[in-house]
């Protein structure tokens, strides 16, 4: 499959995530849109890793060729898992204090 399809899908997912972050007020939906953007980046890294592997394997076979993008994806997934645990804890504490997950309600906490 050509890499153009992967790029188009990743750009579409990333744009949906950006639109969700900019237009929604619910903290959980904003959090899900951020995760969608991270997954779009992961898709691009894996696609470029596959493309890089095929470009390098044409010359001499190397079992470690093109594994860099997959390693980056692994580390991004680890960071995303930590982000989920911290982010959900913050959202739960926000709900306990304000009984709402509306991010506009947080402006009232300044005073």
PDB file of N, CA and C in Angstrom:
ATOM      1  N   UNK A   1       0.848  -1.169   0.000  1.00  0.00           N
ATOM      2  CA  UNK A   1       0.000   0.000   0.000  1.00  0.00           C
ATOM      3  C   UNK A   1       0.904   1.247   0.000  1.00  0.00           C
ATOM      4  N   UNK A   2       0.589   2.234  -0.810  1.00  0.00           N
ATOM      5  CA  UNK A   2       1.434   3.442  -0.859  1.00  0.00           C
ATOM      6  C   UNK A   2       1.379   4.228   0.446  1.00  0.00           C
ATOM      7  N   UNK A   3       2.452   4.924   0.726  1.00  0.00           N
ATOM      8  CA  UNK A   3       2.532   5.677   1.977  1.00  0.00           C
ATOM      9  C   UNK A   3       1.595   6.877   1.978  1.00  0.00           C
ATOM     10  N   UNK A   4       1.148   7.302   0.794  1.00  0.00           N
ATOM     11  CA  UNK A   4       0.232   8.446   0.722  1.00  0.00           C
ATOM     12  C   UNK A   4      -1.062   8.184   1.475  1.00  0.00           C
ATOM     13  N   UNK A   5      -1.530   6.945   1.470  1.00  0.00           N
ATOM     14  CA  UNK A   5      -2.749   6.600   2.196  1.00  0.00           C
ATOM     15  C   UNK A   5      -2.549   6.754   3.703  1.00  0.00           C
ATOM     16  N   UNK A   6      -1.407   6.316   4.191  1.00  0.00           N
ATOM     17  CA  UNK A   6      -1.108   6.458   5.620  1.00  0.00           C
ATOM     18  C   UNK A   6      -0.995   7.924   6.013  1.00  0.00           C
ATOM     19  N   UNK A   7      -0.354   8.704   5.165  1.00  0.00           N
ATOM     20  CA  UNK A   7      -0.200  10.133   5.468  1.00  0.00           C
ATOM     21  C   UNK A   7      -1.560  10.814   5.485  1.00  0.00           C
ATOM     22  N   UNK A   8      -2.408  10.507   4.516  1.00  0.00           N
ATOM     23  CA  UNK A   8      -3.733  11.116   4.472  1.00  0.00           C
ATOM     24  C   UNK A   8      -4.550  10.736   5.701  1.00  0.00           C
ATOM     25  N   UNK A   9      -4.522   9.464   6.085  1.00  0.00           N
ATOM     26  CA  UNK A   9      -5.266   9.020   7.268  1.00  0.00           C
ATOM     27  C   UNK A   9      -4.739   9.683   8.530  1.00  0.00           C
ATOM     28  N   UNK A  10      -3.423   9.780   8.673  1.00  0.00           N
ATOM     29  CA  UNK A  10      -2.850  10.393   9.858  1.00  0.00           C
ATOM     30  C   UNK A  10      -3.180  11.883   9.932  1.00  0.00           C
ATOM     31  N   UNK A  11      -3.133  12.568   8.804  1.00  0.00           N
ATOM     32  CA  UNK A  11      -3.486  13.990   8.790  1.00  0.00           C
ATOM     33  C   UNK A  11      -4.964  14.177   9.135  1.00  0.00           C
ATOM     34  N   UNK A  12      -5.823  13.317   8.614  1.00  0.00           N
ATOM     35  CA  UNK A  12      -7.249  13.403   8.929  1.00  0.00           C
ATOM     36  C   UNK A  12      -7.492  13.172  10.417  1.00  0.00           C
ATOM     37  N   UNK A  13      -6.854  12.157  10.992  1.00  0.00           N
ATOM     38  CA  UNK A  13      -7.012  11.895  12.427  1.00  0.00           C
ATOM     39  C   UNK A  13      -6.479  13.056  13.259  1.00  0.00           C
ATOM     40  N   UNK A  14      -5.350  13.601  12.859  1.00  0.00           N
ATOM     41  CA  UNK A  14      -4.774  14.713  13.613  1.00  0.00           C
ATOM     42  C   UNK A  14      -5.676  15.946  13.537  1.00  0.00           C
ATOM     43  N   UNK A  15      -6.241  16.218  12.368  1.00  0.00           N
ATOM     44  CA  UNK A  15      -7.140  17.367  12.232  1.00  0.00           C
ATOM     45  C   UNK A  15      -8.424  17.184  13.037  1.00  0.00           C
ATOM     46  N   UNK A  16      -8.944  15.973  13.078  1.00  0.00           N
ATOM     47  CA  UNK A  16     -10.118  15.704  13.918  1.00  0.00           C
ATOM     48  C   UNK A  16      -9.777  15.946  15.385  1.00  0.00           C
ATOM     49  N   UNK A  17      -8.594  15.518  15.802  1.00  0.00           N
ATOM     50  CA  UNK A  17      -8.170  15.747  17.183  1.00  0.00           C
ATOM     51  C   UNK A  17      -8.011  17.215  17.509  1.00  0.00           C
ATOM     52  N   UNK A  18      -7.408  17.977  16.606  1.00  0.00           N
ATOM     53  CA  UNK A  18      -7.235  19.418  16.838  1.00  0.00           C
ATOM     54  C   UNK A  18      -8.591  20.111  16.895  1.00  0.00           C
ATOM     55  N   UNK A  19      -9.494  19.750  15.987  1.00  0.00           N
ATOM     56  CA  UNK A  19     -10.832  20.341  15.997  1.00  0.00           C
ATOM     57  C   UNK A  19     -11.561  20.014  17.295  1.00  0.00           C
ATOM     58  N   UNK A  20     -11.400  18.791  17.779  1.00  0.00           N
ATOM     59  CA  UNK A  20     -12.039  18.417  19.041  1.00  0.00           C
ATOM     60  C   UNK A  20     -11.483  19.172  20.230  1.00  0.00           C
ATOM     61  N   UNK A  21     -10.180  19.382  20.255  1.00  0.00           N
ATOM     62  CA  UNK A  21      -9.569  20.127  21.372  1.00  0.00           C
ATOM     63  C   UNK A  21     -10.023  21.581  21.349  1.00  0.00           C
ATOM     64  N   UNK A  22     -10.117  22.158  20.161  1.00  0.00           N
ATOM     65  CA  UNK A  22     -10.445  23.578  20.066  1.00  0.00           C
ATOM     66  C   UNK A  22     -11.929  23.878  20.231  1.00  0.00           C
ATOM     67  N   UNK A  23     -12.808  22.921  19.962  1.00  0.00           N
ATOM     68  CA  UNK A  23     -14.240  23.222  19.998  1.00  0.00           C
ATOM     69  C   UNK A  23     -14.975  22.646  21.200  1.00  0.00           C
ATOM     70  N   UNK A  24     -14.456  21.632  21.830  1.00  0.00           N
ATOM     71  CA  UNK A  24     -15.185  20.989  22.931  1.00  0.00           C
ATOM     72  C   UNK A  24     -14.857  21.632  24.270  1.00  0.00           C
ATOM     73  N   UNK A  25     -15.792  21.495  25.214  1.00  0.00           N
ATOM     74  CA  UNK A  25     -15.573  22.021  26.561  1.00  0.00           C
ATOM     75  C   UNK A  25     -15.480  20.917  27.603  1.00  0.00           C
ATOM     76  N   UNK A  26     -15.843  19.705  27.240  1.00  0.00           N
ATOM     77  CA  UNK A  26     -15.787  18.590  28.168  1.00  0.00           C
ATOM     78  C   UNK A  26     -14.339  18.113  28.284  1.00  0.00           C
ATOM     79  N   UNK A  27     -13.843  18.022  29.511  1.00  0.00           N
ATOM     80  CA  UNK A  27     -12.437  17.667  29.729  1.00  0.00           C
ATOM     81  C   UNK A  27     -12.125  16.254  29.254  1.00  0.00           C
ATOM     82  N   UNK A  28     -13.058  15.337  29.373  1.00  0.00           N
ATOM     83  CA  UNK A  28     -12.810  13.953  28.959  1.00  0.00           C
ATOM     84  C   UNK A  28     -12.706  13.866  27.434  1.00  0.00           C
ATOM     85  N   UNK A  29     -13.550  14.599  26.726  1.00  0.00           N
ATOM     86  CA  UNK A  29     -13.491  14.577  25.266  1.00  0.00           C
ATOM     87  C   UNK A  29     -12.218  15.261  24.778  1.00  0.00           C
ATOM     88  N   UNK A  30     -11.802  16.334  25.432  1.00  0.00           N
ATOM     89  CA  UNK A  30     -10.538  16.989  25.077  1.00  0.00           C
ATOM     90  C   UNK A  30      -9.385  16.021  25.284  1.00  0.00           C
ATOM     91  N   UNK A  31      -9.437  15.287  26.362  1.00  0.00           N
ATOM     92  CA  UNK A  31      -8.406  14.295  26.660  1.00  0.00           C
ATOM     93  C   UNK A  31      -8.364  13.207  25.584  1.00  0.00           C
ATOM     94  N   UNK A  32      -9.529  12.740  25.149  1.00  0.00           N
ATOM     95  CA  UNK A  32      -9.586  11.723  24.091  1.00  0.00           C
ATOM     96  C   UNK A  32      -9.056  12.268  22.768  1.00  0.00           C
ATOM     97  N   UNK A  33      -9.310  13.543  22.476  1.00  0.00           N
ATOM     98  CA  UNK A  33      -8.811  14.136  21.229  1.00  0.00           C
ATOM     99  C   UNK A  33      -7.292  14.270  21.253  1.00  0.00           C
ATOM    100  N   UNK A  34      -6.725  14.550  22.413  1.00  0.00           N
ATOM    101  CA  UNK A  34      -5.265  14.591  22.535  1.00  0.00           C
ATOM    102  C   UNK A  34      -4.680  13.210  22.276  1.00  0.00           C
ATOM    103  N   UNK A  35      -5.315  12.177  22.786  1.00  0.00           N
ATOM    104  CA  UNK A  35      -4.863  10.813  22.526  1.00  0.00           C
ATOM    105  C   UNK A  35      -5.000  10.457  21.048  1.00  0.00           C
ATOM    106  N   UNK A  36      -6.044  10.955  20.389  1.00  0.00           N
ATOM    107  CA  UNK A  36      -6.215  10.730  18.957  1.00  0.00           C
ATOM    108  C   UNK A  36      -5.075  11.363  18.164  1.00  0.00           C
ATOM    109  N   UNK A  37      -4.640  12.545  18.577  1.00  0.00           N
ATOM    110  CA  UNK A  37      -3.513  13.198  17.906  1.00  0.00           C
ATOM    111  C   UNK A  37      -2.223  12.407  18.118  1.00  0.00           C
ATOM    112  N   UNK A  38      -2.023  11.868  19.316  1.00  0.00           N
ATOM    113  CA  UNK A  38      -0.836  11.044  19.562  1.00  0.00           C
ATOM    114  C   UNK A  38      -0.847   9.778  18.698  1.00  0.00           C
ATOM    115  N   UNK A  39      -2.015   9.184  18.542  1.00  0.00           N
ATOM    116  CA  UNK A  39      -2.104   7.985  17.709  1.00  0.00           C
ATOM    117  C   UNK A  39      -1.884   8.300  16.229  1.00  0.00           C
ATOM    118  N   UNK A  40      -2.268   9.493  15.782  1.00  0.00           N
ATOM    119  CA  UNK A  40      -1.982   9.888  14.405  1.00  0.00           C
ATOM    120  C   UNK A  40      -0.481  10.001  14.178  1.00  0.00           C
ATOM    121  N   UNK A  41       0.220  10.546  15.150  1.00  0.00           N
ATOM    122  CA  UNK A  41       1.677  10.644  15.050  1.00  0.00           C
ATOM    123  C   UNK A  41       2.300   9.247  15.071  1.00  0.00           C
ATOM    124  N   UNK A  42       1.782   8.367  15.904  1.00  0.00           N
ATOM    125  CA  UNK A  42       2.287   6.990  15.942  1.00  0.00           C
ATOM    126  C   UNK A  42       2.088   6.293  14.598  1.00  0.00           C
ATOM    127  N   UNK A  43       0.948   6.512  13.966  1.00  0.00           N
ATOM    128  CA  UNK A  43       0.697   5.916  12.655  1.00  0.00           C
ATOM    129  C   UNK A  43       1.713   6.406  11.628  1.00  0.00           C
ATOM    130  N   UNK A  44       2.015   7.697  11.652  1.00  0.00           N
ATOM    131  CA  UNK A  44       3.012   8.224  10.719  1.00  0.00           C
ATOM    132  C   UNK A  44       4.394   7.646  10.983  1.00  0.00           C
ATOM    133  N   UNK A  45       4.764   7.518  12.248  1.00  0.00           N
ATOM    134  CA  UNK A  45       6.084   6.965  12.566  1.00  0.00           C
ATOM    135  C   UNK A  45       6.218   5.525  12.093  1.00  0.00           C
ATOM    136  N   UNK A  46       5.180   4.735  12.277  1.00  0.00           N
ATOM    137  CA  UNK A  46       5.235   3.344  11.828  1.00  0.00           C
ATOM    138  C   UNK A  46       5.256   3.284  10.299  1.00  0.00           C
ATOM    139  N   UNK A  47       4.490   4.146   9.635  1.00  0.00           N
ATOM    140  CA  UNK A  47       4.468   4.146   8.170  1.00  0.00           C
ATOM    141  C   UNK A  47       5.823   4.543   7.604  1.00  0.00           C
ATOM    142  N   UNK A  48       6.437   5.571   8.182  1.00  0.00           N
ATOM    143  CA  UNK A  48       7.749   5.976   7.694  1.00  0.00           C
ATOM    144  C   UNK A  48       8.816   4.946   8.042  1.00  0.00           C
ATOM    145  N   UNK A  49       8.660   4.260   9.154  1.00  0.00           N
ATOM    146  CA  UNK A  49       9.584   3.189   9.506  1.00  0.00           C
ATOM    147  C   UNK A  49       9.492   2.048   8.484  1.00  0.00           C
ATOM    148  N   UNK A  50       8.279   1.720   8.094  1.00  0.00           N
ATOM    149  CA  UNK A  50       8.088   0.675   7.076  1.00  0.00           C
ATOM    150  C   UNK A  50       8.695   1.104   5.748  1.00  0.00           C
ATOM    151  N   UNK A  51       8.486   2.370   5.369  1.00  0.00           N
ATOM    152  CA  UNK A  51       9.047   2.866   4.117  1.00  0.00           C
ATOM    153  C   UNK A  51      10.576   2.850   4.170  1.00  0.00           C
ATOM    154  N   UNK A  52      11.120   3.253   5.303  1.00  0.00           N
ATOM    155  CA  UNK A  52      12.570   3.271   5.470  1.00  0.00           C
ATOM    156  C   UNK A  52      13.136   1.848   5.429  1.00  0.00           C
ATOM    157  N   UNK A  53      12.420   0.889   6.008  1.00  0.00           N
ATOM    158  CA  UNK A  53      12.863  -0.498   5.994  1.00  0.00           C
ATOM    159  C   UNK A  53      12.922  -1.028   4.568  1.00  0.00           C
ATOM    160  N   UNK A  54      11.891  -0.739   3.771  1.00  0.00           N
ATOM    161  CA  UNK A  54      11.885  -1.234   2.389  1.00  0.00           C
ATOM    162  C   UNK A  54      12.975  -0.570   1.556  1.00  0.00           C
ATOM    163  N   UNK A  55      13.287   0.690   1.864  1.00  0.00           N
ATOM    164  CA  UNK A  55      14.345   1.375   1.118  1.00  0.00           C
ATOM    165  C   UNK A  55      15.708   0.794   1.466  1.00  0.00           C
ATOM    166  N   UNK A  56      15.911   0.433   2.738  1.00  0.00           N
ATOM    167  CA  UNK A  56      17.210  -0.111   3.150  1.00  0.00           C
ATOM    168  C   UNK A  56      17.364  -1.580   2.801  1.00  0.00           C
ATOM    169  N   UNK A  57      16.262  -2.318   2.785  1.00  0.00           N
ATOM    170  CA  UNK A  57      16.372  -3.757   2.504  1.00  0.00           C
ATOM    171  C   UNK A  57      16.585  -4.033   1.021  1.00  0.00           C
ATOM    172  N   UNK A  58      16.423  -3.013   0.182  1.00  0.00           N
ATOM    173  CA  UNK A  58      16.657  -3.215  -1.247  1.00  0.00           C
ATOM    174  C   UNK A  58      18.138  -3.447  -1.525  1.00  0.00           C
ATOM    175  N   UNK A  59      19.015  -2.818  -0.727  1.00  0.00           N
ATOM    176  CA  UNK A  59      20.454  -2.977  -0.936  1.00  0.00           C
ATOM    177  C   UNK A  59      20.958  -4.270  -0.332  1.00  0.00           C
ATOM    178  N   UNK A  60      21.166  -4.282   0.956  1.00  0.00           N
ATOM    179  CA  UNK A  60      21.663  -5.469   1.661  1.00  0.00           C
ATOM    180  C   UNK A  60      20.692  -5.792   2.791  1.00  0.00           C
ATOM    181  N   UNK A  61      20.365  -7.038   3.001  1.00  0.00           N
ATOM    182  CA  UNK A  61      19.429  -7.390   4.076  1.00  0.00           C
ATOM    183  C   UNK A  61      20.022  -7.082   5.451  1.00  0.00           C
ATOM    184  N   UNK A  62      19.280  -6.316   6.226  1.00  0.00           N
ATOM    185  CA  UNK A  62      19.689  -5.941   7.576  1.00  0.00           C
ATOM    186  C   UNK A  62      18.484  -6.128   8.484  1.00  0.00           C
ATOM    187  N   UNK A  63      18.558  -7.005   9.483  1.00  0.00           N
ATOM    188  CA  UNK A  63      17.379  -7.260  10.324  1.00  0.00           C
ATOM    189  C   UNK A  63      16.995  -6.080  11.204  1.00  0.00           C
ATOM    190  N   UNK A  64      17.909  -5.147  11.460  1.00  0.00           N
ATOM    191  CA  UNK A  64      17.603  -4.010  12.328  1.00  0.00           C
ATOM    192  C   UNK A  64      17.247  -2.749  11.549  1.00  0.00           C
ATOM    193  N   UNK A  65      17.123  -2.843  10.249  1.00  0.00           N
ATOM    194  CA  UNK A  65      16.816  -1.664   9.442  1.00  0.00           C
ATOM    195  C   UNK A  65      15.362  -1.258   9.644  1.00  0.00           C
ATOM    196  N   UNK A  66      15.128   0.025   9.839  1.00  0.00           N
ATOM    197  CA  UNK A  66      13.778   0.552   9.935  1.00  0.00           C
ATOM    198  C   UNK A  66      13.093   0.322  11.250  1.00  0.00           C
ATOM    199  N   UNK A  67      13.836   0.024  12.293  1.00  0.00           N
ATOM    200  CA  UNK A  67      13.226  -0.228  13.587  1.00  0.00           C
ATOM    201  C   UNK A  67      13.160   1.036  14.449  1.00  0.00           C
ATOM    202  N   UNK A  68      13.784   2.110  14.003  1.00  0.00           N
ATOM    203  CA  UNK A  68      13.837   3.335  14.796  1.00  0.00           C
ATOM    204  C   UNK A  68      12.449   3.921  15.044  1.00  0.00           C
ATOM    205  N   UNK A  69      11.630   3.990  14.011  1.00  0.00           N
ATOM    206  CA  UNK A  69      10.283   4.538  14.161  1.00  0.00           C
ATOM    207  C   UNK A  69       9.439   3.720  15.112  1.00  0.00           C
ATOM    208  N   UNK A  70       9.614   2.412  15.084  1.00  0.00           N
ATOM    209  CA  UNK A  70       8.845   1.555  15.989  1.00  0.00           C
ATOM    210  C   UNK A  70       9.282   1.735  17.434  1.00  0.00           C
ATOM    211  N   UNK A  71      10.557   2.009  17.653  1.00  0.00           N
ATOM    212  CA  UNK A  71      11.023   2.295  19.012  1.00  0.00           C
ATOM    213  C   UNK A  71      10.450   3.608  19.522  1.00  0.00           C
ATOM    214  N   UNK A  72      10.394   4.611  18.649  1.00  0.00           N
ATOM    215  CA  UNK A  72       9.779   5.884  19.038  1.00  0.00           C
ATOM    216  C   UNK A  72       8.314   5.691  19.400  1.00  0.00           C
ATOM    217  N   UNK A  73       7.611   4.877  18.638  1.00  0.00           N
ATOM    218  CA  UNK A  73       6.202   4.602  18.921  1.00  0.00           C
ATOM    219  C   UNK A  73       6.054   3.931  20.277  1.00  0.00           C
ATOM    220  N   UNK A  74       6.933   3.003  20.584  1.00  0.00           N
ATOM    221  CA  UNK A  74       6.880   2.340  21.884  1.00  0.00           C
ATOM    222  C   UNK A  74       7.045   3.348  23.017  1.00  0.00           C
ATOM    223  N   UNK A  75       8.012   4.247  22.900  1.00  0.00           N
ATOM    224  CA  UNK A  75       8.221   5.232  23.954  1.00  0.00           C
ATOM    225  C   UNK A  75       7.079   6.238  24.026  1.00  0.00           C
ATOM    226  N   UNK A  76       6.497   6.594  22.898  1.00  0.00           N
ATOM    227  CA  UNK A  76       5.337   7.486  22.914  1.00  0.00           C
ATOM    228  C   UNK A  76       4.159   6.809  23.602  1.00  0.00           C
ATOM    229  N   UNK A  77       3.997   5.511  23.390  1.00  0.00           N
ATOM    230  CA  UNK A  77       2.912   4.788  24.057  1.00  0.00           C
ATOM    231  C   UNK A  77       3.132   4.722  25.563  1.00  0.00           C
ATOM    232  N   UNK A  78       4.380   4.596  25.994  1.00  0.00           N
ATOM    233  CA  UNK A  78       4.671   4.592  27.435  1.00  0.00           C
ATOM    234  C   UNK A  78       4.351   5.957  28.036  1.00  0.00           C
ATOM    235  N   UNK A  79       4.757   7.015  27.359  1.00  0.00           N
ATOM    236  CA  UNK A  79       4.465   8.366  27.849  1.00  0.00           C
ATOM    237  C   UNK A  79       2.958   8.624  27.837  1.00  0.00           C
ATOM    238  N   UNK A  80       2.267   8.139  26.814  1.00  0.00           N
ATOM    239  CA  UNK A  80       0.817   8.315  26.739  1.00  0.00           C
ATOM    240  C   UNK A  80       0.112   7.568  27.875  1.00  0.00           C
ATOM    241  N   UNK A  81       0.609   6.409  28.244  1.00  0.00           N
ATOM    242  CA  UNK A  81       0.014   5.679  29.365  1.00  0.00           C
ATOM    243  C   UNK A  81       0.192   6.448  30.669  1.00  0.00           C
ATOM    244  N   UNK A  82       1.359   7.044  30.860  1.00  0.00           N
ATOM    245  CA  UNK A  82       1.572   7.869  32.050  1.00  0.00           C
ATOM    246  C   UNK A  82       0.685   9.110  32.006  1.00  0.00           C
ATOM    247  N   UNK A  83       0.520   9.684  30.829  1.00  0.00           N
ATOM    248  CA  UNK A  83      -0.339  10.858  30.674  1.00  0.00           C
ATOM    249  C   UNK A  83      -1.791  10.510  31.006  1.00  0.00           C
ATOM    250  N   UNK A  84      -2.233   9.338  30.587  1.00  0.00           N
ATOM    251  CA  UNK A  84      -3.604   8.921  30.868  1.00  0.00           C
ATOM    252  C   UNK A  84      -3.827   8.797  32.363  1.00  0.00           C
ATOM    253  N   UNK A  85      -2.897   8.186  33.069  1.00  0.00           N
ATOM    254  CA  UNK A  85      -3.086   8.009  34.512  1.00  0.00           C
ATOM    255  C   UNK A  85      -3.108   9.351  35.234  1.00  0.00           C
ATOM    256  N   UNK A  86      -2.201  10.244  34.891  1.00  0.00           N
ATOM    257  CA  UNK A  86      -2.164  11.562  35.548  1.00  0.00           C
ATOM    258  C   UNK A  86      -3.359  12.408  35.120  1.00  0.00           C
ATOM    259  N   UNK A  87      -3.680  12.402  33.825  1.00  0.00           N
ATOM    260  CA  UNK A  87      -4.792  13.209  33.328  1.00  0.00           C
ATOM    261  C   UNK A  87      -6.133  12.771  33.894  1.00  0.00           C
ATOM    262  N   UNK A  88      -6.370  11.473  33.947  1.00  0.00           N
ATOM    263  CA  UNK A  88      -7.631  11.008  34.517  1.00  0.00           C
ATOM    264  C   UNK A  88      -7.716  11.297  36.014  1.00  0.00           C
ATOM    265  N   UNK A  89      -6.600  11.245  36.711  1.00  0.00           N
ATOM    266  CA  UNK A  89      -6.604  11.606  38.130  1.00  0.00           C
ATOM    267  C   UNK A  89      -6.956  13.081  38.310  1.00  0.00           C
ATOM    268  N   UNK A  90      -6.428  13.929  37.453  1.00  0.00           N
ATOM    269  CA  UNK A  90      -6.752  15.355  37.522  1.00  0.00           C
ATOM    270  C   UNK A  90      -8.229  15.588  37.208  1.00  0.00           C
ATOM    271  N   UNK A  91      -8.752  14.893  36.203  1.00  0.00           N
ATOM    272  CA  UNK A  91     -10.167  15.062  35.845  1.00  0.00           C
ATOM    273  C   UNK A  91     -11.070  14.572  36.972  1.00  0.00           C
ATOM    274  N   UNK A  92     -10.719  13.459  37.613  1.00  0.00           N
ATOM    275  CA  UNK A  92     -11.525  12.949  38.733  1.00  0.00           C
ATOM    276  C   UNK A  92     -11.500  13.925  39.905  1.00  0.00           C
ATOM    277  N   UNK A  93     -10.336  14.487  40.203  1.00  0.00           N
ATOM    278  CA  UNK A  93     -10.263  15.467  41.290  1.00  0.00           C
ATOM    279  C   UNK A  93     -11.034  16.745  40.941  1.00  0.00           C
ATOM    280  N   UNK A  94     -10.993  17.137  39.674  1.00  0.00           N
ATOM    281  CA  UNK A  94     -11.767  18.300  39.250  1.00  0.00           C
ATOM    282  C   UNK A  94     -13.262  18.030  39.416  1.00  0.00           C
ATOM    283  N   UNK A  95     -13.691  16.827  39.069  1.00  0.00           N
ATOM    284  CA  UNK A  95     -15.106  16.489  39.205  1.00  0.00           C
ATOM    285  C   UNK A  95     -15.516  16.428  40.677  1.00  0.00           C
ATOM    286  N   UNK A  96     -14.650  15.924  41.524  1.00  0.00           N
ATOM    287  CA  UNK A  96     -14.968  15.865  42.955  1.00  0.00           C
ATOM    288  C   UNK A  96     -15.117  17.258  43.560  1.00  0.00           C
ATOM    289  N   UNK A  97     -14.301  18.197  43.106  1.00  0.00           N
ATOM    290  CA  UNK A  97     -14.350  19.547  43.679  1.00  0.00           C
ATOM    291  C   UNK A  97     -15.451  20.411  43.076  1.00  0.00           C
ATOM    292  N   UNK A  98     -15.722  20.273  41.786  1.00  0.00           N
ATOM    293  CA  UNK A  98     -16.665  21.179  41.121  1.00  0.00           C
ATOM    294  C   UNK A  98     -17.944  20.502  40.660  1.00  0.00           C
ATOM    295  N   UNK A  99     -18.020  19.175  40.682  1.00  0.00           N
ATOM    296  CA  UNK A  99     -19.157  18.390  40.186  1.00  0.00           C
ATOM    297  C   UNK A  99     -19.451  18.707  38.729  1.00  0.00           C
ATOM    298  N   UNK A 100     -18.393  18.983  37.968  1.00  0.00           N
ATOM    299  CA  UNK A 100     -18.515  19.254  36.541  1.00  0.00           C
ATOM    300  C   UNK A 100     -17.179  18.940  35.876  1.00  0.00           C
ATOM    301  N   UNK A 101     -17.230  18.542  34.602  1.00  0.00           N
ATOM    302  CA  UNK A 101     -16.006  18.341  33.837  1.00  0.00           C
ATOM    303  C   UNK A 101     -15.885  19.389  32.734  1.00  0.00           C
ATOM    304  N   UNK A 102     -16.618  20.492  32.881  1.00  0.00           N
ATOM    305  CA  UNK A 102     -16.563  21.590  31.925  1.00  0.00           C
ATOM    306  C   UNK A 102     -15.305  22.410  32.179  1.00  0.00           C
ATOM    307  N   UNK A 103     -14.465  22.584  31.163  1.00  0.00           N
ATOM    308  CA  UNK A 103     -13.206  23.298  31.364  1.00  0.00           C
ATOM    309  C   UNK A 103     -13.428  24.795  31.542  1.00  0.00           C
ATOM    310  N   UNK A 104     -14.541  25.340  31.064  1.00  0.00           N
ATOM    311  CA  UNK A 104     -14.830  26.753  31.294  1.00  0.00           C
ATOM    312  C   UNK A 104     -15.149  27.031  32.753  1.00  0.00           C
ATOM    313  N   UNK A 105     -15.597  26.022  33.464  1.00  0.00           N
ATOM    314  CA  UNK A 105     -15.889  26.178  34.889  1.00  0.00           C
ATOM    315  C   UNK A 105     -14.612  26.389  35.697  1.00  0.00           C
ATOM    316  N   UNK A 106     -13.479  25.964  35.164  1.00  0.00           N
ATOM    317  CA  UNK A 106     -12.221  26.121  35.880  1.00  0.00           C
ATOM    318  C   UNK A 106     -11.779  27.576  35.977  1.00  0.00           C
ATOM    319  N   UNK A 107     -12.280  28.445  35.109  1.00  0.00           N
ATOM    320  CA  UNK A 107     -11.955  29.872  35.212  1.00  0.00           C
ATOM    321  C   UNK A 107     -12.469  30.473  36.507  1.00  0.00           C
ATOM    322  N   UNK A 108     -13.538  29.917  37.059  1.00  0.00           N
ATOM    323  CA  UNK A 108     -14.095  30.417  38.309  1.00  0.00           C
ATOM    324  C   UNK A 108     -13.242  30.065  39.510  1.00  0.00           C
ATOM    325  N   UNK A 109     -12.342  29.105  39.367  1.00  0.00           N
ATOM    326  CA  UNK A 109     -11.496  28.690  40.481  1.00  0.00           C
ATOM    327  C   UNK A 109     -10.351  29.664  40.737  1.00  0.00           C
ATOM    328  N   UNK A 110     -10.147  30.620  39.824  1.00  0.00           N
ATOM    329  CA  UNK A 110      -9.049  31.574  40.005  1.00  0.00           C
ATOM    330  C   UNK A 110      -9.290  32.488  41.193  1.00  0.00           C
ATOM    331  N   UNK A 111     -10.538  32.834  41.459  1.00  0.00           N
ATOM    332  CA  UNK A 111     -10.842  33.818  42.503  1.00  0.00           C
ATOM    333  C   UNK A 111     -11.309  33.167  43.780  1.00  0.00           C
TER     334      UNK A 111
END
